[in-house]
Each structure stands twice: as C-alpha cells, then as structure tokens.
N, C-alpha and C. Protein backbone atom coordinates (compact mmCIF):
# COMPACT_ATOMS: atom_id res chain seq x y z
N MET A 1 0.85 -1.14 -0.02
CA MET A 1 0.01 -0.02 -0.02
C MET A 1 0.95 1.24 -0.01
N VAL A 2 0.64 2.19 -0.91
CA VAL A 2 1.44 3.37 -1.02
C VAL A 2 0.51 4.59 -0.79
N PHE A 3 0.95 5.60 -0.03
CA PHE A 3 0.17 6.77 0.18
C PHE A 3 0.88 7.97 -0.26
N ASP A 4 0.08 8.87 -0.84
CA ASP A 4 0.68 10.22 -1.28
C ASP A 4 0.47 11.11 0.00
N ILE A 5 1.60 11.45 0.66
CA ILE A 5 1.52 12.20 1.90
C ILE A 5 1.97 13.63 1.74
N ARG A 6 1.76 14.23 0.61
CA ARG A 6 2.07 15.64 0.47
C ARG A 6 1.12 16.43 1.32
N VAL A 7 1.60 17.26 2.21
CA VAL A 7 0.77 18.08 3.03
C VAL A 7 1.37 19.46 3.01
N ARG A 8 0.50 20.41 2.79
CA ARG A 8 1.00 21.80 2.79
C ARG A 8 1.29 22.21 4.23
N LEU A 9 2.50 22.63 4.50
CA LEU A 9 2.83 23.07 5.82
C LEU A 9 2.00 24.35 6.10
N GLY A 10 1.48 24.48 7.27
CA GLY A 10 0.63 25.58 7.65
C GLY A 10 -0.85 25.24 7.43
N ALA A 11 -1.18 24.12 6.75
CA ALA A 11 -2.56 23.73 6.54
C ALA A 11 -3.21 23.49 7.91
N VAL A 12 -4.52 23.76 7.99
CA VAL A 12 -5.26 23.45 9.20
C VAL A 12 -6.13 22.18 8.94
N MET A 13 -5.89 21.17 9.81
CA MET A 13 -6.60 19.91 9.69
C MET A 13 -7.51 19.74 10.89
N HIS A 14 -8.75 19.27 10.62
CA HIS A 14 -9.66 18.86 11.69
C HIS A 14 -9.64 17.36 11.80
N ILE A 15 -9.14 16.88 12.93
CA ILE A 15 -8.93 15.46 13.05
C ILE A 15 -9.91 14.88 14.07
N ARG A 16 -10.77 13.99 13.60
CA ARG A 16 -11.72 13.30 14.47
C ARG A 16 -11.06 12.24 15.36
N PRO A 17 -11.60 11.96 16.49
CA PRO A 17 -11.09 10.93 17.35
C PRO A 17 -10.93 9.56 16.60
N ALA A 18 -11.84 9.20 15.77
CA ALA A 18 -11.71 7.94 15.04
C ALA A 18 -10.57 7.84 14.09
N ASP A 19 -9.98 9.01 13.72
CA ASP A 19 -8.87 9.04 12.79
C ASP A 19 -7.49 8.98 13.50
N ARG A 20 -7.55 8.94 14.79
CA ARG A 20 -6.29 9.01 15.62
C ARG A 20 -6.08 7.66 16.31
N VAL A 21 -4.82 7.44 16.72
CA VAL A 21 -4.47 6.23 17.49
C VAL A 21 -4.89 6.40 18.95
N ASN A 22 -4.67 7.54 19.53
CA ASN A 22 -5.03 7.78 20.92
C ASN A 22 -6.04 8.95 21.03
N PRO A 23 -7.32 8.64 20.85
CA PRO A 23 -8.34 9.69 20.76
C PRO A 23 -8.87 10.16 22.08
N ALA A 24 -8.21 10.01 23.20
CA ALA A 24 -8.73 10.25 24.53
C ALA A 24 -9.24 11.66 24.73
N ASP A 25 -8.64 12.65 24.04
CA ASP A 25 -9.00 14.04 24.32
C ASP A 25 -9.89 14.62 23.27
N GLY A 26 -10.53 13.76 22.45
CA GLY A 26 -11.54 14.22 21.54
C GLY A 26 -10.99 14.76 20.16
N PRO A 27 -11.74 15.50 19.45
CA PRO A 27 -11.30 15.99 18.15
C PRO A 27 -10.20 17.09 18.39
N VAL A 28 -9.38 17.19 17.32
CA VAL A 28 -8.29 18.16 17.39
C VAL A 28 -8.27 19.02 16.09
N THR A 29 -8.09 20.32 16.22
CA THR A 29 -7.80 21.17 15.04
C THR A 29 -6.33 21.50 15.12
N LEU A 30 -5.57 21.10 14.07
CA LEU A 30 -4.13 21.21 14.11
C LEU A 30 -3.59 22.06 12.94
N ARG A 31 -2.66 23.01 13.19
CA ARG A 31 -1.97 23.73 12.14
C ARG A 31 -0.69 22.98 11.93
N VAL A 32 -0.57 22.32 10.76
CA VAL A 32 0.51 21.35 10.49
C VAL A 32 1.87 22.10 10.30
N THR A 33 2.91 21.57 10.97
CA THR A 33 4.27 22.07 10.79
C THR A 33 5.19 20.99 10.32
N GLY A 34 4.73 19.74 10.28
CA GLY A 34 5.59 18.68 9.75
C GLY A 34 4.83 17.33 9.68
N VAL A 35 5.34 16.47 8.91
CA VAL A 35 4.78 15.08 8.74
C VAL A 35 5.92 14.15 8.81
N ARG A 36 5.78 13.05 9.56
CA ARG A 36 6.78 12.01 9.60
C ARG A 36 6.17 10.64 9.37
N LEU A 37 6.90 9.79 8.59
CA LEU A 37 6.45 8.45 8.36
C LEU A 37 6.65 7.65 9.62
N VAL A 38 5.94 6.61 9.78
CA VAL A 38 6.08 5.66 10.89
C VAL A 38 6.92 4.52 10.38
N ALA A 39 8.19 4.48 10.81
CA ALA A 39 9.09 3.47 10.28
C ALA A 39 9.06 2.13 10.96
N ASN A 40 8.43 2.08 12.20
CA ASN A 40 8.48 0.83 12.93
C ASN A 40 7.18 0.06 12.87
N GLN A 41 6.29 0.36 11.89
CA GLN A 41 5.06 -0.39 11.70
C GLN A 41 4.98 -0.95 10.27
N ARG A 42 4.24 -1.99 10.15
CA ARG A 42 4.00 -2.56 8.83
C ARG A 42 3.35 -1.49 7.97
N GLN A 43 3.72 -1.43 6.73
CA GLN A 43 3.21 -0.41 5.81
C GLN A 43 1.72 -0.39 5.67
N ASP A 44 1.12 -1.54 5.75
CA ASP A 44 -0.36 -1.63 5.56
C ASP A 44 -1.15 -1.02 6.72
N TYR A 45 -0.51 -0.65 7.83
CA TYR A 45 -1.22 0.06 8.84
C TYR A 45 -1.56 1.43 8.42
N GLY A 46 -0.73 2.04 7.53
CA GLY A 46 -1.04 3.27 6.95
C GLY A 46 -1.14 4.45 7.95
N ARG A 47 -0.14 4.68 8.79
CA ARG A 47 -0.19 5.71 9.79
C ARG A 47 0.97 6.65 9.54
N VAL A 48 0.79 7.96 9.88
CA VAL A 48 1.83 8.92 9.86
C VAL A 48 1.72 9.78 11.03
N TRP A 49 2.78 10.48 11.43
CA TRP A 49 2.72 11.42 12.48
C TRP A 49 2.62 12.82 11.94
N LEU A 50 1.58 13.54 12.40
CA LEU A 50 1.41 14.93 12.10
C LEU A 50 1.97 15.78 13.21
N GLU A 51 2.78 16.77 12.94
CA GLU A 51 3.32 17.61 13.97
C GLU A 51 2.69 19.01 13.78
N GLY A 52 2.47 19.72 14.81
CA GLY A 52 1.96 21.04 14.70
C GLY A 52 1.43 21.62 15.97
N PHE A 53 0.66 22.67 15.82
CA PHE A 53 0.07 23.41 17.00
C PHE A 53 -1.41 23.18 17.03
N ARG A 54 -1.94 22.73 18.15
CA ARG A 54 -3.35 22.63 18.34
C ARG A 54 -3.89 24.06 18.30
N LEU A 55 -5.04 24.23 17.66
CA LEU A 55 -5.58 25.58 17.64
C LEU A 55 -6.63 25.67 18.76
N THR A 56 -6.70 26.82 19.40
CA THR A 56 -7.69 27.04 20.44
C THR A 56 -9.06 27.38 19.78
N GLU A 57 -10.09 27.49 20.62
CA GLU A 57 -11.41 27.71 20.06
C GLU A 57 -11.51 29.03 19.28
N ASP A 58 -10.65 30.01 19.64
CA ASP A 58 -10.68 31.28 18.90
C ASP A 58 -9.74 31.28 17.69
N GLY A 59 -9.09 30.14 17.43
CA GLY A 59 -8.23 29.98 16.22
C GLY A 59 -6.78 30.31 16.47
N GLY A 60 -6.47 30.68 17.74
CA GLY A 60 -5.11 31.01 18.01
C GLY A 60 -4.23 29.73 18.30
N PRO A 61 -2.89 29.89 18.24
CA PRO A 61 -2.05 28.68 18.43
C PRO A 61 -2.09 28.26 19.91
N GLY A 62 -2.24 26.98 20.13
CA GLY A 62 -2.18 26.33 21.41
C GLY A 62 -0.86 25.60 21.57
N ARG A 63 -0.92 24.54 22.27
CA ARG A 63 0.30 23.75 22.55
C ARG A 63 0.76 22.95 21.27
N GLN A 64 2.07 22.77 21.23
CA GLN A 64 2.67 21.97 20.15
C GLN A 64 2.48 20.51 20.46
N THR A 65 2.17 19.72 19.48
CA THR A 65 1.83 18.31 19.67
C THR A 65 2.22 17.43 18.45
N GLN A 66 2.19 16.17 18.63
CA GLN A 66 2.33 15.21 17.58
C GLN A 66 1.22 14.21 17.70
N ILE A 67 0.55 13.92 16.52
CA ILE A 67 -0.62 13.10 16.54
C ILE A 67 -0.44 11.99 15.50
N LEU A 68 -0.61 10.79 15.84
CA LEU A 68 -0.50 9.64 14.94
C LEU A 68 -1.91 9.45 14.33
N VAL A 69 -1.95 9.65 12.97
CA VAL A 69 -3.21 9.55 12.26
C VAL A 69 -3.12 8.57 11.07
N ARG A 70 -4.31 8.24 10.56
CA ARG A 70 -4.34 7.34 9.37
C ARG A 70 -3.86 8.17 8.21
N ALA A 71 -3.03 7.57 7.36
CA ALA A 71 -2.45 8.18 6.19
C ALA A 71 -3.50 8.67 5.18
N ASP A 72 -4.62 7.84 5.06
CA ASP A 72 -5.59 8.13 4.10
C ASP A 72 -6.47 9.35 4.50
N LEU A 73 -6.24 9.89 5.67
CA LEU A 73 -6.88 11.09 6.13
C LEU A 73 -6.28 12.33 5.42
N LEU A 74 -5.05 12.21 5.01
CA LEU A 74 -4.33 13.35 4.39
C LEU A 74 -4.84 13.60 2.99
N PRO A 75 -5.02 14.87 2.63
CA PRO A 75 -5.45 15.18 1.30
C PRO A 75 -4.39 14.87 0.26
N PRO A 76 -4.83 14.40 -0.98
CA PRO A 76 -3.81 14.08 -1.99
C PRO A 76 -3.18 15.40 -2.51
C-alpha cells in the first residue's frame, strides 16, 4: 500500500477521534508544521505522525503536539 503524503505546511486539519490512534482528548484542530512516516510499523497500517500546533477555540495557536493519524486522512 502506498500513500501520497504531500501536506502543505501551515494547513489546518480537523482530526476526528476515530482518525487517531489515541483519541482520549476528543477532536483536534491542528496547524501542520511537519509530517513524519512511521518506520516501525508494517506499511499496511497506513499511519503517519502529524506535527503542529493545536488551535484554540478562537483559532489562536495552542500547545505543540504530535498526533498519529491514518495516512488516508491526508489530502492528496
């Protein structure tokens, strides 16, 4: 399985709990600053790390975070 993981840095992504590996804190709105492949998993799991800043309710930057998400969530 091959994924096209081009992501525009600075893009804002709305990530549902179902799209994350650890969804304990609910949905997240993330301003993307980086994307990393997951090298220690089988490729058919299709997961990537998104790095960025969680956006607050007013759209301002919150804390920096890394979120493991399904690769097919990313736009082509």
